[in-house]
Amino acid sequence: MSRDREYAEKMQNIANLLDEFFNPTGFKEVGFALLVFPFDDEDRDVAYASNAKRDCMVKALEEFLDIAKKIDDTENLYMH
């Protein structure tokens, strides 16, 4: 099995668990994006899984990047 296929299957399983955990009634109240990338790959292909539509997920990631770029590594991003 290729690394990409292995990642895709694992990510889908985790995404399903996250969705069930955050949205136990099936009604989508909480969105998420799971990013996976190899540390040792200079080309760094990033894979993602999300329970949101792409445009909503991209907007959330842009908001996250805006915050992440403004703080240092010692701060907890969860608190923002």
C-alpha atoms as a PDB file:
ATOM      1  CA  MET A   1       0.000   0.000   0.000  1.00  0.00           C
ATOM      2  CA  SER A   2       1.361   3.426  -0.915  1.00  0.00           C
ATOM      3  CA  ARG A   3       2.051   6.003   1.762  1.00  0.00           C
ATOM      4  CA  ASP A   4      -0.586   8.310   0.259  1.00  0.00           C
ATOM      5  CA  ARG A   5      -3.260   5.601   0.345  1.00  0.00           C
ATOM      6  CA  GLU A   6      -2.270   4.636   3.885  1.00  0.00           C
ATOM      7  CA  TYR A   7      -2.500   8.280   5.006  1.00  0.00           C
ATOM      8  CA  ALA A   8      -5.856   8.723   3.268  1.00  0.00           C
ATOM      9  CA  GLU A   9      -7.398   5.731   5.015  1.00  0.00           C
ATOM     10  CA  LYS A  10      -6.052   6.739   8.432  1.00  0.00           C
ATOM     11  CA  MET A  11      -7.155  10.336   7.945  1.00  0.00           C
ATOM     12  CA  GLN A  12     -10.659   9.300   6.918  1.00  0.00           C
ATOM     13  CA  ASN A  13     -10.963   7.098  10.010  1.00  0.00           C
ATOM     14  CA  ILE A  14      -9.774   9.918  12.284  1.00  0.00           C
ATOM     15  CA  ALA A  15     -12.030  12.442  10.529  1.00  0.00           C
ATOM     16  CA  ASN A  16     -15.047  10.211  11.091  1.00  0.00           C
ATOM     17  CA  LEU A  17     -14.172   9.872  14.791  1.00  0.00           C
ATOM     18  CA  LEU A  18     -13.680  13.637  15.183  1.00  0.00           C
ATOM     19  CA  ASP A  19     -16.958  14.369  13.456  1.00  0.00           C
ATOM     20  CA  GLU A  20     -18.836  11.905  15.667  1.00  0.00           C
ATOM     21  CA  PHE A  21     -17.140  13.329  18.776  1.00  0.00           C
ATOM     22  CA  PHE A  22     -17.802  17.008  18.016  1.00  0.00           C
ATOM     23  CA  ASN A  23     -21.168  16.491  16.294  1.00  0.00           C
ATOM     24  CA  PRO A  24     -22.760  13.504  18.068  1.00  0.00           C
ATOM     25  CA  THR A  25     -26.288  14.329  16.900  1.00  0.00           C
ATOM     26  CA  GLY A  26     -25.235  14.407  13.262  1.00  0.00           C
ATOM     27  CA  PHE A  27     -26.034  18.126  13.043  1.00  0.00           C
ATOM     28  CA  LYS A  28     -22.872  19.969  11.994  1.00  0.00           C
ATOM     29  CA  GLU A  29     -22.083  22.475  14.738  1.00  0.00           C
ATOM     30  CA  VAL A  30     -18.294  22.132  14.771  1.00  0.00           C
ATOM     31  CA  GLY A  31     -16.051  22.057  11.742  1.00  0.00           C
ATOM     32  CA  PHE A  32     -12.495  20.801  11.627  1.00  0.00           C
ATOM     33  CA  ALA A  33      -9.549  20.333   9.324  1.00  0.00           C
ATOM     34  CA  LEU A  34      -6.926  17.663   9.881  1.00  0.00           C
ATOM     35  CA  LEU A  35      -3.585  18.343   8.177  1.00  0.00           C
ATOM     36  CA  VAL A  36      -0.972  15.648   7.698  1.00  0.00           C
ATOM     37  CA  PHE A  37       2.509  16.146   6.271  1.00  0.00           C
ATOM     38  CA  PRO A  38       5.835  14.334   6.427  1.00  0.00           C
ATOM     39  CA  PHE A  39       8.573  16.084   8.401  1.00  0.00           C
ATOM     40  CA  ASP A  40      11.339  14.632   6.225  1.00  0.00           C
ATOM     41  CA  ASP A  41       9.952  15.531   2.807  1.00  0.00           C
ATOM     42  CA  GLU A  42      11.374  18.697   1.262  1.00  0.00           C
ATOM     43  CA  ASP A  43       8.533  18.792  -1.270  1.00  0.00           C
ATOM     44  CA  ARG A  44       6.154  18.477   1.704  1.00  0.00           C
ATOM     45  CA  ASP A  45       2.892  17.302   0.229  1.00  0.00           C
ATOM     46  CA  VAL A  46       0.204  18.281   2.715  1.00  0.00           C
ATOM     47  CA  ALA A  47      -2.930  16.180   2.870  1.00  0.00           C
ATOM     48  CA  TYR A  48      -6.106  17.210   4.638  1.00  0.00           C
ATOM     49  CA  ALA A  49      -9.445  15.863   5.743  1.00  0.00           C
ATOM     50  CA  SER A  50     -12.352  18.016   6.840  1.00  0.00           C
ATOM     51  CA  ASN A  51     -16.034  17.776   7.615  1.00  0.00           C
ATOM     52  CA  ALA A  52     -16.604  21.220   6.105  1.00  0.00           C
ATOM     53  CA  LYS A  53     -17.015  22.405   2.556  1.00  0.00           C
ATOM     54  CA  ARG A  54     -13.742  23.472   1.021  1.00  0.00           C
ATOM     55  CA  ASP A  55     -14.468  27.227   1.036  1.00  0.00           C
ATOM     56  CA  CYS A  56     -15.425  27.153   4.734  1.00  0.00           C
ATOM     57  CA  MET A  57     -12.354  25.087   5.607  1.00  0.00           C
ATOM     58  CA  VAL A  58     -10.047  27.394   3.635  1.00  0.00           C
ATOM     59  CA  LYS A  59     -11.490  30.449   5.424  1.00  0.00           C
ATOM     60  CA  ALA A  60     -10.927  28.806   8.819  1.00  0.00           C
ATOM     61  CA  LEU A  61      -7.340  27.916   7.875  1.00  0.00           C
ATOM     62  CA  GLU A  62      -6.681  31.470   6.726  1.00  0.00           C
ATOM     63  CA  GLU A  63      -7.978  32.768  10.060  1.00  0.00           C
ATOM     64  CA  PHE A  64      -5.770  30.273  11.883  1.00  0.00           C
ATOM     65  CA  LEU A  65      -2.702  31.338   9.873  1.00  0.00           C
ATOM     66  CA  ASP A  66      -3.358  35.002  10.631  1.00  0.00           C
ATOM     67  CA  ILE A  67      -3.312  34.195  14.357  1.00  0.00           C
ATOM     68  CA  ALA A  68      -0.413  31.730  14.184  1.00  0.00           C
ATOM     69  CA  LYS A  69       1.845  34.199  12.384  1.00  0.00           C
ATOM     70  CA  LYS A  70       1.360  36.800  15.127  1.00  0.00           C
ATOM     71  CA  ILE A  71       2.345  34.710  18.136  1.00  0.00           C
ATOM     72  CA  ASP A  72       5.507  32.918  19.152  1.00  0.00           C
ATOM     73  CA  ASP A  73       5.968  29.197  19.716  1.00  0.00           C
ATOM     74  CA  THR A  74       5.541  29.481  23.479  1.00  0.00           C
ATOM     75  CA  GLU A  75       1.925  30.639  23.260  1.00  0.00           C
ATOM     76  CA  ASN A  76      -0.964  28.210  23.158  1.00  0.00           C
ATOM     77  CA  LEU A  77      -2.978  28.639  19.948  1.00  0.00           C
ATOM     78  CA  TYR A  78      -5.989  27.032  21.599  1.00  0.00           C
ATOM     79  CA  MET A  79      -6.366  30.057  23.841  1.00  0.00           C
ATOM     80  CA  HIS A  80      -6.858  32.499  20.958  1.00  0.00           C
END
